[in-house]
Amino acid sequence: MSKEDTAVVKEITRVFAFEHWARFYFAVDREGKTFLEVPEEVMAEVRAQAPDLFPLLEKTNHQELTYETSCANVGAFVCELLDGVKYKPGLVQRMLDSKLYKVEMHLFAMWLKGHEDYLDANPQTLPGWLEMYANWKEMDQVKQFAQKLMSAPPAGEPSSGSVH
């Protein structure tokens, strides 16, 4: 993987982590449906702290959240923000299909699951949330685990040359 590939995956992950942060803290249930309800003061903080990410929050605030709409909104936003704008056309899509990205999302899911109770009890600002994840990824155990994941054969492929 090139430095550019790594940079693209880092930026894509930041968008996905941002969307998770918003849902984690500001999703509310209304008559059996989930909506994103970010207070105005938080909207202002995000506008100041992460102006590049703010349009995604602005678009999705007060909207019903479903798995499908979240995926569509985030995917479209990642492409609008990065593909052909900051990186050459097609690179973002290639990275979304890459092992590097899949490992990164696996690590993020592990971090979120392992820290869910803490994050619930100690609400984080967006910068705090992103910093916690970045610091966790710098731990030796996490780095070693990520290396193992990157060096493992793709799912479904035998790990040796023999077929049993």
N, C-alpha and C. Protein backbone atom coordinates (compact mmCIF):
# COMPACT_ATOMS: atom_id res chain seq x y z
N MET A 1 0.84 -1.19 0.00
CA MET A 1 0.00 0.00 0.00
C MET A 1 0.88 1.25 0.00
N SER A 2 0.49 2.22 -0.76
CA SER A 2 1.25 3.47 -0.84
C SER A 2 0.84 4.40 0.30
N LYS A 3 1.60 5.45 0.47
CA LYS A 3 1.27 6.47 1.48
C LYS A 3 -0.07 7.12 1.13
N GLU A 4 -0.32 7.30 -0.15
CA GLU A 4 -1.59 7.90 -0.58
C GLU A 4 -2.76 6.98 -0.22
N ASP A 5 -2.60 5.67 -0.44
CA ASP A 5 -3.64 4.71 -0.08
C ASP A 5 -3.95 4.81 1.41
N THR A 6 -2.89 4.84 2.21
CA THR A 6 -3.05 4.93 3.66
C THR A 6 -3.74 6.24 4.04
N ALA A 7 -3.38 7.32 3.40
CA ALA A 7 -3.99 8.62 3.69
C ALA A 7 -5.48 8.62 3.33
N VAL A 8 -5.82 8.03 2.19
CA VAL A 8 -7.22 7.96 1.78
C VAL A 8 -8.02 7.15 2.79
N VAL A 9 -7.51 6.00 3.19
CA VAL A 9 -8.23 5.15 4.15
C VAL A 9 -8.39 5.89 5.48
N LYS A 10 -7.39 6.62 5.89
CA LYS A 10 -7.47 7.39 7.14
C LYS A 10 -8.59 8.44 7.04
N GLU A 11 -8.68 9.10 5.92
CA GLU A 11 -9.73 10.11 5.75
C GLU A 11 -11.12 9.49 5.64
N ILE A 12 -11.23 8.37 4.94
CA ILE A 12 -12.53 7.69 4.86
C ILE A 12 -12.95 7.24 6.26
N THR A 13 -12.03 6.69 7.01
CA THR A 13 -12.32 6.23 8.37
C THR A 13 -12.77 7.39 9.24
N ARG A 14 -12.14 8.54 9.08
CA ARG A 14 -12.54 9.72 9.86
C ARG A 14 -14.01 10.07 9.60
N VAL A 15 -14.45 9.99 8.35
CA VAL A 15 -15.85 10.29 8.02
C VAL A 15 -16.76 9.25 8.68
N PHE A 16 -16.42 7.98 8.57
CA PHE A 16 -17.24 6.93 9.17
C PHE A 16 -17.26 7.07 10.70
N ALA A 17 -16.12 7.37 11.29
CA ALA A 17 -16.05 7.56 12.75
C ALA A 17 -16.90 8.75 13.17
N PHE A 18 -16.88 9.80 12.39
CA PHE A 18 -17.70 10.98 12.66
C PHE A 18 -19.18 10.63 12.65
N GLU A 19 -19.60 9.90 11.64
CA GLU A 19 -21.01 9.52 11.55
C GLU A 19 -21.40 8.62 12.71
N HIS A 20 -20.50 7.72 13.11
CA HIS A 20 -20.77 6.86 14.27
C HIS A 20 -20.89 7.70 15.54
N TRP A 21 -20.01 8.66 15.71
CA TRP A 21 -20.05 9.56 16.86
C TRP A 21 -21.41 10.26 16.94
N ALA A 22 -21.86 10.79 15.82
CA ALA A 22 -23.14 11.50 15.80
C ALA A 22 -24.29 10.56 16.18
N ARG A 23 -24.30 9.38 15.59
CA ARG A 23 -25.37 8.42 15.93
C ARG A 23 -25.26 7.95 17.37
N PHE A 24 -24.04 7.73 17.85
CA PHE A 24 -23.83 7.22 19.20
C PHE A 24 -24.42 8.17 20.24
N TYR A 25 -24.19 9.44 20.05
CA TYR A 25 -24.62 10.41 21.06
C TYR A 25 -25.95 11.11 20.77
N PHE A 26 -26.37 11.14 19.53
CA PHE A 26 -27.52 11.99 19.21
C PHE A 26 -28.67 11.28 18.51
N ALA A 27 -28.65 9.96 18.49
CA ALA A 27 -29.77 9.21 17.94
C ALA A 27 -30.85 9.13 19.01
N VAL A 28 -32.08 9.41 18.61
CA VAL A 28 -33.21 9.35 19.53
C VAL A 28 -34.32 8.51 18.91
N ASP A 29 -35.08 7.88 19.78
CA ASP A 29 -36.20 7.06 19.33
C ASP A 29 -37.47 7.90 19.36
N ARG A 30 -38.19 7.89 18.24
CA ARG A 30 -39.48 8.55 18.16
C ARG A 30 -40.47 7.58 17.56
N GLU A 31 -41.36 7.09 18.41
CA GLU A 31 -42.42 6.18 17.96
C GLU A 31 -41.87 5.00 17.17
N GLY A 32 -40.80 4.40 17.71
CA GLY A 32 -40.23 3.22 17.11
C GLY A 32 -39.29 3.47 15.94
N LYS A 33 -39.06 4.73 15.61
CA LYS A 33 -38.12 5.07 14.55
C LYS A 33 -36.97 5.86 15.17
N THR A 34 -35.79 5.74 14.58
CA THR A 34 -34.61 6.42 15.09
C THR A 34 -34.32 7.65 14.25
N PHE A 35 -34.10 8.76 14.95
CA PHE A 35 -33.79 10.02 14.28
C PHE A 35 -32.50 10.59 14.84
N LEU A 36 -31.81 11.36 14.03
CA LEU A 36 -30.62 12.07 14.49
C LEU A 36 -31.07 13.46 14.93
N GLU A 37 -30.78 13.79 16.19
CA GLU A 37 -31.19 15.07 16.75
C GLU A 37 -29.98 15.72 17.43
N VAL A 38 -29.19 16.43 16.66
CA VAL A 38 -27.99 17.08 17.18
C VAL A 38 -28.37 18.49 17.61
N PRO A 39 -28.13 18.84 18.88
CA PRO A 39 -28.47 20.19 19.35
C PRO A 39 -27.68 21.27 18.61
N GLU A 40 -28.25 22.45 18.53
CA GLU A 40 -27.63 23.56 17.80
C GLU A 40 -26.23 23.89 18.31
N GLU A 41 -26.02 23.83 19.63
CA GLU A 41 -24.69 24.16 20.16
C GLU A 41 -23.65 23.14 19.71
N VAL A 42 -24.05 21.89 19.58
CA VAL A 42 -23.13 20.86 19.08
C VAL A 42 -22.90 21.06 17.58
N MET A 43 -23.94 21.42 16.86
CA MET A 43 -23.79 21.71 15.44
C MET A 43 -22.75 22.83 15.25
N ALA A 44 -22.83 23.87 16.08
CA ALA A 44 -21.88 24.98 15.99
C ALA A 44 -20.46 24.52 16.31
N GLU A 45 -20.32 23.65 17.30
CA GLU A 45 -19.00 23.12 17.64
C GLU A 45 -18.42 22.32 16.47
N VAL A 46 -19.22 21.48 15.86
CA VAL A 46 -18.75 20.67 14.74
C VAL A 46 -18.40 21.58 13.56
N ARG A 47 -19.21 22.59 13.32
CA ARG A 47 -18.93 23.53 12.23
C ARG A 47 -17.55 24.16 12.42
N ALA A 48 -17.21 24.48 13.67
CA ALA A 48 -15.91 25.11 13.97
C ALA A 48 -14.77 24.09 13.99
N GLN A 49 -15.01 22.90 14.55
CA GLN A 49 -13.95 21.90 14.74
C GLN A 49 -13.67 21.07 13.50
N ALA A 50 -14.69 20.82 12.72
CA ALA A 50 -14.54 19.94 11.54
C ALA A 50 -15.40 20.47 10.40
N PRO A 51 -15.04 21.65 9.86
CA PRO A 51 -15.88 22.24 8.82
C PRO A 51 -16.04 21.35 7.57
N ASP A 52 -15.06 20.49 7.30
CA ASP A 52 -15.18 19.60 6.15
C ASP A 52 -16.23 18.52 6.37
N LEU A 53 -16.46 18.13 7.63
CA LEU A 53 -17.44 17.10 7.94
C LEU A 53 -18.84 17.67 8.20
N PHE A 54 -18.90 18.94 8.52
CA PHE A 54 -20.16 19.56 8.90
C PHE A 54 -21.29 19.35 7.89
N PRO A 55 -21.04 19.44 6.58
CA PRO A 55 -22.15 19.25 5.64
C PRO A 55 -22.87 17.91 5.80
N LEU A 56 -22.16 16.86 6.18
CA LEU A 56 -22.82 15.56 6.40
C LEU A 56 -23.78 15.66 7.58
N LEU A 57 -23.35 16.29 8.64
CA LEU A 57 -24.20 16.44 9.81
C LEU A 57 -25.40 17.34 9.49
N GLU A 58 -25.15 18.39 8.77
CA GLU A 58 -26.22 19.32 8.38
C GLU A 58 -27.28 18.61 7.54
N LYS A 59 -26.83 17.74 6.65
CA LYS A 59 -27.75 17.00 5.78
C LYS A 59 -28.57 15.96 6.54
N THR A 60 -27.96 15.32 7.52
CA THR A 60 -28.62 14.19 8.19
C THR A 60 -29.32 14.56 9.49
N ASN A 61 -29.04 15.74 10.04
CA ASN A 61 -29.69 16.12 11.29
C ASN A 61 -31.20 16.24 11.11
N HIS A 62 -31.93 15.72 12.05
CA HIS A 62 -33.40 15.69 12.08
C HIS A 62 -33.99 14.71 11.07
N GLN A 63 -33.13 13.83 10.52
CA GLN A 63 -33.61 12.84 9.56
C GLN A 63 -33.72 11.47 10.24
N GLU A 64 -34.59 10.63 9.71
CA GLU A 64 -34.68 9.27 10.22
C GLU A 64 -33.41 8.52 9.87
N LEU A 65 -32.93 7.73 10.82
CA LEU A 65 -31.72 6.93 10.62
C LEU A 65 -32.11 5.48 10.37
N THR A 66 -31.64 4.95 9.28
CA THR A 66 -31.73 3.52 9.03
C THR A 66 -30.35 3.09 8.57
N TYR A 67 -30.11 1.81 8.59
CA TYR A 67 -28.82 1.30 8.12
C TYR A 67 -28.59 1.73 6.68
N GLU A 68 -29.61 1.59 5.86
CA GLU A 68 -29.49 1.89 4.43
C GLU A 68 -29.21 3.37 4.20
N THR A 69 -29.95 4.26 4.89
CA THR A 69 -29.73 5.69 4.66
C THR A 69 -28.37 6.13 5.20
N SER A 70 -27.95 5.55 6.32
CA SER A 70 -26.63 5.90 6.86
C SER A 70 -25.54 5.50 5.87
N CYS A 71 -25.61 4.28 5.35
CA CYS A 71 -24.61 3.82 4.38
C CYS A 71 -24.61 4.71 3.13
N ALA A 72 -25.80 5.00 2.63
CA ALA A 72 -25.89 5.82 1.42
C ALA A 72 -25.37 7.23 1.67
N ASN A 73 -25.76 7.83 2.77
CA ASN A 73 -25.33 9.19 3.08
C ASN A 73 -23.82 9.28 3.26
N VAL A 74 -23.27 8.36 4.03
CA VAL A 74 -21.84 8.39 4.30
C VAL A 74 -21.05 8.06 3.03
N GLY A 75 -21.47 7.06 2.30
CA GLY A 75 -20.77 6.70 1.07
C GLY A 75 -20.76 7.85 0.06
N ALA A 76 -21.92 8.47 -0.13
CA ALA A 76 -22.00 9.60 -1.06
C ALA A 76 -21.14 10.76 -0.57
N PHE A 77 -21.16 11.02 0.73
CA PHE A 77 -20.38 12.13 1.28
C PHE A 77 -18.88 11.88 1.12
N VAL A 78 -18.44 10.66 1.38
CA VAL A 78 -17.02 10.32 1.22
C VAL A 78 -16.59 10.60 -0.22
N CYS A 79 -17.40 10.19 -1.16
CA CYS A 79 -17.06 10.42 -2.57
C CYS A 79 -17.07 11.90 -2.91
N GLU A 80 -18.08 12.64 -2.42
CA GLU A 80 -18.14 14.09 -2.68
C GLU A 80 -16.95 14.82 -2.08
N LEU A 81 -16.55 14.40 -0.89
CA LEU A 81 -15.48 15.07 -0.17
C LEU A 81 -14.10 14.76 -0.74
N LEU A 82 -13.91 13.52 -1.19
CA LEU A 82 -12.56 13.07 -1.52
C LEU A 82 -12.32 12.67 -2.97
N ASP A 83 -13.28 11.99 -3.58
CA ASP A 83 -13.05 11.39 -4.89
C ASP A 83 -13.05 12.43 -6.01
N GLY A 84 -11.90 12.57 -6.66
CA GLY A 84 -11.78 13.55 -7.72
C GLY A 84 -11.62 14.96 -7.21
N VAL A 85 -11.70 15.14 -5.90
CA VAL A 85 -11.55 16.45 -5.29
C VAL A 85 -10.16 16.54 -4.64
N LYS A 86 -9.93 15.65 -3.70
CA LYS A 86 -8.65 15.61 -3.00
C LYS A 86 -7.74 14.52 -3.56
N TYR A 87 -8.35 13.47 -4.10
CA TYR A 87 -7.61 12.34 -4.65
C TYR A 87 -8.09 12.07 -6.07
N LYS A 88 -7.26 11.38 -6.83
CA LYS A 88 -7.62 11.11 -8.22
C LYS A 88 -8.91 10.28 -8.28
N PRO A 89 -9.72 10.51 -9.31
CA PRO A 89 -10.99 9.79 -9.44
C PRO A 89 -10.77 8.28 -9.40
N GLY A 90 -11.64 7.60 -8.67
CA GLY A 90 -11.60 6.14 -8.58
C GLY A 90 -10.79 5.61 -7.41
N LEU A 91 -9.89 6.41 -6.85
CA LEU A 91 -9.05 5.94 -5.75
C LEU A 91 -9.88 5.66 -4.50
N VAL A 92 -10.84 6.50 -4.22
CA VAL A 92 -11.67 6.30 -3.03
C VAL A 92 -12.42 4.98 -3.13
N GLN A 93 -13.03 4.72 -4.27
CA GLN A 93 -13.76 3.47 -4.45
C GLN A 93 -12.83 2.27 -4.32
N ARG A 94 -11.64 2.39 -4.89
CA ARG A 94 -10.68 1.29 -4.80
C ARG A 94 -10.31 1.04 -3.34
N MET A 95 -10.14 2.11 -2.58
CA MET A 95 -9.77 1.96 -1.17
C MET A 95 -10.93 1.42 -0.34
N LEU A 96 -12.15 1.77 -0.70
CA LEU A 96 -13.32 1.22 0.01
C LEU A 96 -13.41 -0.30 -0.17
N ASP A 97 -12.84 -0.80 -1.24
CA ASP A 97 -12.83 -2.24 -1.50
C ASP A 97 -11.54 -2.92 -1.03
N SER A 98 -10.64 -2.15 -0.44
CA SER A 98 -9.32 -2.68 -0.09
C SER A 98 -9.30 -3.41 1.26
N LYS A 99 -8.32 -4.28 1.39
CA LYS A 99 -8.10 -4.97 2.66
C LYS A 99 -7.73 -3.97 3.76
N LEU A 100 -6.95 -2.97 3.41
CA LEU A 100 -6.56 -1.95 4.38
C LEU A 100 -7.78 -1.30 5.00
N TYR A 101 -8.75 -0.94 4.19
CA TYR A 101 -9.98 -0.32 4.69
C TYR A 101 -10.79 -1.31 5.54
N LYS A 102 -10.88 -2.53 5.09
CA LYS A 102 -11.64 -3.53 5.85
C LYS A 102 -11.01 -3.78 7.21
N VAL A 103 -9.69 -3.82 7.27
CA VAL A 103 -9.00 -3.99 8.56
C VAL A 103 -9.26 -2.77 9.44
N GLU A 104 -9.19 -1.60 8.85
CA GLU A 104 -9.44 -0.36 9.62
C GLU A 104 -10.85 -0.35 10.21
N MET A 105 -11.83 -0.75 9.43
CA MET A 105 -13.20 -0.77 9.93
C MET A 105 -13.38 -1.85 11.01
N HIS A 106 -12.67 -2.96 10.86
CA HIS A 106 -12.70 -4.00 11.89
C HIS A 106 -12.11 -3.46 13.19
N LEU A 107 -11.00 -2.76 13.09
CA LEU A 107 -10.38 -2.17 14.28
C LEU A 107 -11.31 -1.15 14.92
N PHE A 108 -11.93 -0.32 14.10
CA PHE A 108 -12.84 0.70 14.65
C PHE A 108 -14.01 0.03 15.38
N ALA A 109 -14.56 -1.01 14.79
CA ALA A 109 -15.67 -1.72 15.43
C ALA A 109 -15.23 -2.34 16.75
N MET A 110 -14.02 -2.89 16.78
CA MET A 110 -13.48 -3.45 18.02
C MET A 110 -13.33 -2.37 19.09
N TRP A 111 -12.77 -1.24 18.68
CA TRP A 111 -12.57 -0.13 19.62
C TRP A 111 -13.91 0.33 20.17
N LEU A 112 -14.87 0.50 19.31
CA LEU A 112 -16.19 0.98 19.72
C LEU A 112 -16.85 0.00 20.69
N LYS A 113 -16.81 -1.27 20.35
CA LYS A 113 -17.43 -2.27 21.22
C LYS A 113 -16.71 -2.34 22.57
N GLY A 114 -15.39 -2.28 22.54
CA GLY A 114 -14.62 -2.37 23.77
C GLY A 114 -14.72 -1.14 24.66
N HIS A 115 -15.09 -0.01 24.09
CA HIS A 115 -15.14 1.24 24.85
C HIS A 115 -16.55 1.79 24.99
N GLU A 116 -17.54 1.05 24.54
CA GLU A 116 -18.92 1.53 24.53
C GLU A 116 -19.39 2.02 25.90
N ASP A 117 -19.16 1.23 26.94
CA ASP A 117 -19.61 1.64 28.27
C ASP A 117 -18.92 2.92 28.72
N TYR A 118 -17.62 3.02 28.46
CA TYR A 118 -16.88 4.22 28.83
C TYR A 118 -17.40 5.43 28.05
N LEU A 119 -17.59 5.27 26.75
CA LEU A 119 -18.07 6.37 25.91
C LEU A 119 -19.47 6.81 26.30
N ASP A 120 -20.27 5.85 26.74
CA ASP A 120 -21.62 6.16 27.22
C ASP A 120 -21.55 6.98 28.52
N ALA A 121 -20.72 6.55 29.44
CA ALA A 121 -20.62 7.19 30.76
C ALA A 121 -19.84 8.50 30.69
N ASN A 122 -18.98 8.66 29.69
CA ASN A 122 -18.13 9.84 29.57
C ASN A 122 -18.24 10.40 28.16
N PRO A 123 -19.34 11.11 27.88
CA PRO A 123 -19.54 11.63 26.52
C PRO A 123 -18.33 12.42 26.01
N GLN A 124 -18.00 12.17 24.76
CA GLN A 124 -16.83 12.78 24.15
C GLN A 124 -17.25 13.78 23.07
N THR A 125 -16.46 14.83 22.95
CA THR A 125 -16.60 15.71 21.80
C THR A 125 -16.07 14.95 20.60
N LEU A 126 -16.33 15.44 19.42
CA LEU A 126 -15.80 14.78 18.23
C LEU A 126 -14.28 14.69 18.29
N PRO A 127 -13.56 15.79 18.59
CA PRO A 127 -12.09 15.65 18.67
C PRO A 127 -11.65 14.63 19.73
N GLY A 128 -12.33 14.59 20.85
CA GLY A 128 -11.99 13.62 21.89
C GLY A 128 -12.20 12.19 21.43
N TRP A 129 -13.30 11.95 20.75
CA TRP A 129 -13.64 10.63 20.21
C TRP A 129 -12.57 10.17 19.22
N LEU A 130 -12.21 11.05 18.28
CA LEU A 130 -11.22 10.71 17.27
C LEU A 130 -9.84 10.51 17.90
N GLU A 131 -9.51 11.32 18.89
CA GLU A 131 -8.22 11.18 19.58
C GLU A 131 -8.14 9.88 20.36
N MET A 132 -9.23 9.51 21.03
CA MET A 132 -9.24 8.24 21.76
C MET A 132 -8.97 7.07 20.82
N TYR A 133 -9.63 7.07 19.68
CA TYR A 133 -9.45 5.98 18.72
C TYR A 133 -8.01 5.98 18.21
N ALA A 134 -7.49 7.13 17.85
CA ALA A 134 -6.11 7.22 17.35
C ALA A 134 -5.11 6.74 18.40
N ASN A 135 -5.30 7.12 19.64
CA ASN A 135 -4.41 6.68 20.72
C ASN A 135 -4.49 5.18 20.93
N TRP A 136 -5.69 4.62 20.87
CA TRP A 136 -5.88 3.18 21.03
C TRP A 136 -5.14 2.43 19.92
N LYS A 137 -5.22 2.96 18.70
CA LYS A 137 -4.55 2.30 17.57
C LYS A 137 -3.03 2.34 17.71
N GLU A 138 -2.49 3.24 18.50
CA GLU A 138 -1.05 3.33 18.70
C GLU A 138 -0.51 2.32 19.73
N MET A 139 -1.41 1.63 20.41
CA MET A 139 -0.98 0.62 21.39
C MET A 139 -0.30 -0.53 20.65
N ASP A 140 0.78 -1.05 21.24
CA ASP A 140 1.53 -2.13 20.60
C ASP A 140 0.65 -3.33 20.26
N GLN A 141 -0.23 -3.72 21.19
CA GLN A 141 -1.09 -4.89 20.95
C GLN A 141 -1.98 -4.67 19.73
N VAL A 142 -2.51 -3.46 19.60
CA VAL A 142 -3.40 -3.15 18.48
C VAL A 142 -2.61 -3.14 17.17
N LYS A 143 -1.43 -2.56 17.20
CA LYS A 143 -0.59 -2.55 15.99
C LYS A 143 -0.26 -3.97 15.55
N GLN A 144 0.09 -4.83 16.51
CA GLN A 144 0.42 -6.22 16.18
C GLN A 144 -0.79 -6.95 15.61
N PHE A 145 -1.96 -6.71 16.21
CA PHE A 145 -3.18 -7.33 15.72
C PHE A 145 -3.49 -6.86 14.30
N ALA A 146 -3.34 -5.57 14.05
CA ALA A 146 -3.59 -5.03 12.71
C ALA A 146 -2.64 -5.64 11.69
N GLN A 147 -1.38 -5.82 12.07
CA GLN A 147 -0.41 -6.44 11.16
C GLN A 147 -0.81 -7.88 10.84
N LYS A 148 -1.27 -8.60 11.86
CA LYS A 148 -1.72 -9.98 11.62
C LYS A 148 -2.90 -10.01 10.66
N LEU A 149 -3.83 -9.10 10.85
CA LEU A 149 -4.98 -9.04 9.96
C LEU A 149 -4.56 -8.72 8.53
N MET A 150 -3.63 -7.80 8.39
CA MET A 150 -3.17 -7.42 7.05
C MET A 150 -2.42 -8.56 6.36
N SER A 151 -1.72 -9.37 7.14
CA SER A 151 -0.94 -10.44 6.52
C SER A 151 -1.72 -11.74 6.36
N ALA A 152 -2.90 -11.82 6.93
CA ALA A 152 -3.72 -13.04 6.81
C ALA A 152 -4.27 -13.14 5.38
N PRO A 153 -4.45 -14.37 4.90
CA PRO A 153 -5.04 -14.52 3.56
C PRO A 153 -6.49 -14.03 3.59
N PRO A 154 -6.99 -13.57 2.45
CA PRO A 154 -8.39 -13.13 2.39
C PRO A 154 -9.33 -14.24 2.83
N ALA A 155 -10.44 -13.87 3.40
CA ALA A 155 -11.44 -14.84 3.85
C ALA A 155 -11.83 -15.75 2.69
N GLY A 156 -11.93 -17.02 2.98
CA GLY A 156 -12.34 -17.98 1.96
C GLY A 156 -11.19 -18.62 1.22
N GLU A 157 -9.99 -18.07 1.38
CA GLU A 157 -8.82 -18.67 0.72
C GLU A 157 -8.12 -19.60 1.69
N PRO A 158 -7.69 -20.75 1.25
CA PRO A 158 -6.96 -21.63 2.16
C PRO A 158 -5.62 -20.99 2.52
N SER A 159 -5.15 -21.24 3.74
CA SER A 159 -3.90 -20.63 4.17
C SER A 159 -2.69 -21.41 3.70
N SER A 160 -2.88 -22.59 3.16
CA SER A 160 -1.77 -23.34 2.59
C SER A 160 -2.10 -23.68 1.15
N GLY A 161 -1.15 -24.26 0.45
CA GLY A 161 -1.37 -24.59 -0.95
C GLY A 161 -2.25 -25.80 -1.15
N SER A 162 -2.54 -26.54 -0.09
CA SER A 162 -3.32 -27.77 -0.25
C SER A 162 -4.82 -27.49 -0.12
N VAL A 163 -5.59 -28.34 -0.74
CA VAL A 163 -7.04 -28.25 -0.65
C VAL A 163 -7.53 -29.50 0.07
N HIS A 164 -8.30 -29.31 1.11
CA HIS A 164 -8.80 -30.45 1.91
C HIS A 164 -10.29 -30.55 1.81
